[in-house]
């Protein structure tokens, strides 16, 4: 396995630029064709952009890794949340104006934010984005046995729903327009306590 440098990023443009610079340096050493390198950079940009859009005081450990030709963009997010911060963030997260979940990365951002606050409410909210079939339990290192949201499971849940009744046109449109959905083999989110792990696996 090879990894890029790891660095903490937040909502600032400075940290976002530093993260993309790390990705560019890593990709330059991978002997990739131009199209593959561009796709991986786009996935990294989507992940970094999501962190920039997050509500509240979050830091995410960011890196990219490669093993046996498979590339992943990784984020591990944690927060030290006291009651005051939690109430403030919850009020913002439930506001349609401030943090309405638009697009796939908007939904993922909302899942991460709420998961850091309250796992039970996060799971209830996550069920909007995939139903019971949207969640599996898989091993993810320190997050082993933690609930995991999967883009593939979400897609399968939409397909299952459309087979039973009218498809959710808005949800399908979001998938079709999403850079991440088109370039990623899968996206998974693992949750444990105040730690959330996101992995984007490239096609």
Protein backbone atom coordinates (compact mmCIF):
# COMPACT_ATOMS: atom_id res chain seq x y z
CA UNK A 1 0.00 0.00 0.00
CA UNK A 2 1.13 3.52 -0.74
CA UNK A 3 -0.30 6.62 0.90
CA UNK A 4 -0.12 10.34 0.40
CA UNK A 5 0.88 12.57 3.26
CA UNK A 6 -1.88 12.92 5.84
CA UNK A 7 -3.04 16.34 6.94
CA UNK A 8 -5.86 17.92 8.89
CA UNK A 9 -8.25 20.05 6.88
CA UNK A 10 -11.12 22.29 7.91
CA UNK A 11 -13.43 24.82 6.27
CA UNK A 12 -10.61 27.22 5.32
CA UNK A 13 -9.44 27.74 1.75
CA UNK A 14 -5.82 27.46 2.90
CA UNK A 15 -6.28 23.90 4.21
CA UNK A 16 -8.32 22.92 1.16
CA UNK A 17 -5.55 24.08 -1.16
CA UNK A 18 -2.95 22.22 0.89
CA UNK A 19 -4.99 19.01 0.63
CA UNK A 20 -5.25 19.24 -3.15
CA UNK A 21 -1.51 19.93 -3.35
CA UNK A 22 -0.90 16.71 -1.40
CA UNK A 23 -3.12 14.82 -3.83
CA UNK A 24 -1.35 16.30 -6.86
CA UNK A 25 2.04 15.29 -5.46
CA UNK A 26 0.82 11.77 -4.70
CA UNK A 27 -0.77 11.29 -8.12
CA UNK A 28 2.34 12.55 -9.90
CA UNK A 29 4.22 9.53 -8.51
CA UNK A 30 1.62 6.95 -9.55
CA UNK A 31 2.35 6.62 -13.28
CA UNK A 32 -1.33 7.04 -14.16
CA UNK A 33 -2.87 7.98 -17.46
CA UNK A 34 -4.19 11.52 -17.60
CA UNK A 35 -7.89 10.52 -17.46
CA UNK A 36 -7.47 8.39 -14.34
CA UNK A 37 -5.44 11.10 -12.60
CA UNK A 38 -8.12 13.71 -13.38
CA UNK A 39 -10.88 11.44 -12.04
CA UNK A 40 -8.99 10.83 -8.79
CA UNK A 41 -8.32 14.54 -8.36
CA UNK A 42 -12.03 15.27 -8.89
CA UNK A 43 -12.95 12.76 -6.17
CA UNK A 44 -10.47 14.40 -3.81
CA UNK A 45 -11.85 17.85 -4.63
CA UNK A 46 -15.39 16.64 -3.84
CA UNK A 47 -14.28 15.30 -0.46
CA UNK A 48 -12.39 18.48 0.41
CA UNK A 49 -15.31 20.63 -0.74
CA UNK A 50 -17.66 18.70 1.50
CA UNK A 51 -15.47 19.42 4.54
CA UNK A 52 -15.40 23.11 3.60
CA UNK A 53 -19.22 23.12 3.59
CA UNK A 54 -19.62 21.44 6.98
CA UNK A 55 -21.27 23.29 9.82
CA UNK A 56 -19.39 24.01 13.03
CA UNK A 57 -15.84 23.39 14.20
CA UNK A 58 -14.68 20.22 12.49
CA UNK A 59 -11.29 18.96 11.47
CA UNK A 60 -10.86 16.00 9.17
CA UNK A 61 -7.74 13.91 8.68
CA UNK A 62 -7.40 13.61 4.91
CA UNK A 63 -5.30 11.40 2.68
CA UNK A 64 -5.31 9.25 -0.46
CA UNK A 65 -4.06 5.69 -0.68
CA UNK A 66 -3.47 3.00 -3.28
CA UNK A 67 -3.33 -0.77 -2.90
CA UNK A 68 -3.15 -3.27 -5.76
CA UNK A 69 -4.19 -0.58 -8.21
CA UNK A 70 -7.27 0.47 -6.21
CA UNK A 71 -7.37 4.11 -5.13
CA UNK A 72 -9.24 5.53 -2.14
CA UNK A 73 -9.86 9.01 -0.79
CA UNK A 74 -10.01 8.87 3.01
CA UNK A 75 -11.44 11.21 5.64
CA UNK A 76 -11.59 10.68 9.38
CA UNK A 77 -13.63 13.34 11.16
CA UNK A 78 -13.91 13.92 14.89
CA UNK A 79 -15.15 16.64 17.17
CA UNK A 80 -15.11 17.46 20.86
CA UNK A 81 -18.76 18.36 21.23
CA UNK A 82 -20.11 20.01 24.37
CA UNK A 83 -23.83 20.59 24.96
CA UNK A 84 -23.76 24.20 23.75
CA UNK A 85 -22.01 23.31 20.52
CA UNK A 86 -24.29 20.33 20.01
CA UNK A 87 -27.47 22.40 20.38
CA UNK A 88 -26.12 25.07 18.04
CA UNK A 89 -25.15 22.55 15.38
CA UNK A 90 -28.39 20.61 15.68
CA UNK A 91 -30.38 23.81 15.17
CA UNK A 92 -28.38 24.58 12.03
CA UNK A 93 -28.49 21.02 10.74
CA UNK A 94 -32.27 20.92 10.88
CA UNK A 95 -32.65 24.27 9.11
CA UNK A 96 -33.77 23.91 5.53
CA UNK A 97 -32.17 27.20 4.57
CA UNK A 98 -28.70 26.70 6.00
CA UNK A 99 -27.93 23.03 5.46
CA UNK A 100 -30.53 21.52 3.16
CA UNK A 101 -28.95 18.35 1.78
CA UNK A 102 -28.55 18.96 -1.93
CA UNK A 103 -26.89 16.31 -4.04
CA UNK A 104 -25.08 13.16 -2.97
CA UNK A 105 -22.23 14.96 -1.22
CA UNK A 106 -24.73 17.17 0.59
CA UNK A 107 -26.45 14.07 1.94
CA UNK A 108 -23.11 12.56 2.96
CA UNK A 109 -22.13 15.80 4.69
CA UNK A 110 -25.39 15.82 6.62
CA UNK A 111 -24.94 12.19 7.67
CA UNK A 112 -21.43 12.93 8.96
CA UNK A 113 -22.49 16.08 10.84
CA UNK A 114 -25.41 14.41 12.54
CA UNK A 115 -23.48 11.23 13.23
CA UNK A 116 -20.93 13.19 15.24
CA UNK A 117 -23.77 14.51 17.37
CA UNK A 118 -26.14 11.67 18.03
CA UNK A 119 -25.91 8.19 16.51
CA UNK A 120 -29.57 7.32 17.09
CA UNK A 121 -30.89 10.44 15.39
CA UNK A 122 -28.25 10.04 12.67
CA UNK A 123 -29.49 6.56 11.86
CA UNK A 124 -33.08 7.80 11.72
CA UNK A 125 -32.04 10.64 9.43
CA UNK A 126 -29.86 8.34 7.31
CA UNK A 127 -32.83 6.07 6.65
CA UNK A 128 -34.19 8.87 4.46
CA UNK A 129 -31.23 8.26 2.17
CA UNK A 130 -31.51 4.57 1.56
CA UNK A 131 -34.01 2.88 3.82
CA UNK A 132 -33.07 -0.17 5.84
CA UNK A 133 -31.06 -1.53 2.93
CA UNK A 134 -28.84 1.55 2.97
CA UNK A 135 -26.87 0.31 5.97
CA UNK A 136 -24.64 -2.67 6.51
CA UNK A 137 -22.11 -3.70 9.12
CA UNK A 138 -18.58 -4.14 7.87
CA UNK A 139 -15.10 -4.16 9.36
CA UNK A 140 -13.27 -0.83 9.00
CA UNK A 141 -10.26 -1.04 11.32
CA UNK A 142 -10.95 1.00 14.44
CA UNK A 143 -14.53 1.38 13.21
CA UNK A 144 -15.17 -2.36 13.04
CA UNK A 145 -18.83 -3.24 13.62
CA UNK A 146 -19.82 0.43 13.36
CA UNK A 147 -22.88 1.28 11.26
CA UNK A 148 -21.88 2.03 7.69
CA UNK A 149 -23.69 3.97 4.99
CA UNK A 150 -22.88 2.80 1.50
CA UNK A 151 -23.51 4.58 -1.78
CA UNK A 152 -24.01 1.20 -3.45
CA UNK A 153 -26.63 0.21 -0.87
CA UNK A 154 -28.34 3.58 -1.34
CA UNK A 155 -28.42 3.02 -5.10
CA UNK A 156 -29.78 -0.51 -4.64
CA UNK A 157 -32.46 0.80 -2.27
CA UNK A 158 -33.57 3.30 -4.91
CA UNK A 159 -33.68 0.55 -7.52
CA UNK A 160 -35.73 -1.64 -5.20
CA UNK A 161 -38.13 1.22 -4.50
CA UNK A 162 -38.55 1.98 -8.19
CA UNK A 163 -39.40 -1.67 -8.85
CA UNK A 164 -42.27 -1.44 -6.36
CA UNK A 165 -43.66 1.99 -7.17
CA UNK A 166 -42.84 5.19 -8.98
CA UNK A 167 -39.14 5.95 -8.80
CA UNK A 168 -37.88 8.93 -6.85
CA UNK A 169 -37.01 11.15 -9.82
CA UNK A 170 -35.17 13.74 -7.73
CA UNK A 171 -32.98 11.12 -6.07
CA UNK A 172 -32.15 9.50 -9.40
CA UNK A 173 -31.37 12.89 -10.93
CA UNK A 174 -28.95 13.56 -8.06
CA UNK A 175 -27.20 10.27 -8.71
CA UNK A 176 -26.93 10.91 -12.43
CA UNK A 177 -25.52 14.41 -11.89
CA UNK A 178 -23.12 13.43 -9.11
CA UNK A 179 -19.42 13.41 -9.93
CA UNK A 180 -18.82 11.07 -7.01
CA UNK A 181 -21.57 8.63 -8.02
CA UNK A 182 -20.19 8.43 -11.55
CA UNK A 183 -16.49 8.13 -10.66
CA UNK A 184 -16.61 6.13 -7.41
CA UNK A 185 -17.02 2.38 -7.09
CA UNK A 186 -18.48 3.02 -3.66
CA UNK A 187 -18.60 5.49 -0.79
CA UNK A 188 -18.87 4.19 2.77
CA UNK A 189 -19.34 5.99 6.08
CA UNK A 190 -18.48 4.27 9.35
CA UNK A 191 -19.56 5.72 12.69
CA UNK A 192 -18.27 5.14 16.19
CA UNK A 193 -18.74 7.53 19.09
CA UNK A 194 -17.50 10.95 17.95
CA UNK A 195 -15.46 9.53 15.07
CA UNK A 196 -16.67 9.19 11.49
CA UNK A 197 -14.70 7.53 8.72
CA UNK A 198 -15.48 8.17 5.05
CA UNK A 199 -13.91 6.19 2.23
CA UNK A 200 -14.40 6.97 -1.47
CA UNK A 201 -13.21 4.05 -3.56
CA UNK A 202 -12.50 4.98 -7.17
CA UNK A 203 -13.65 2.90 -10.10
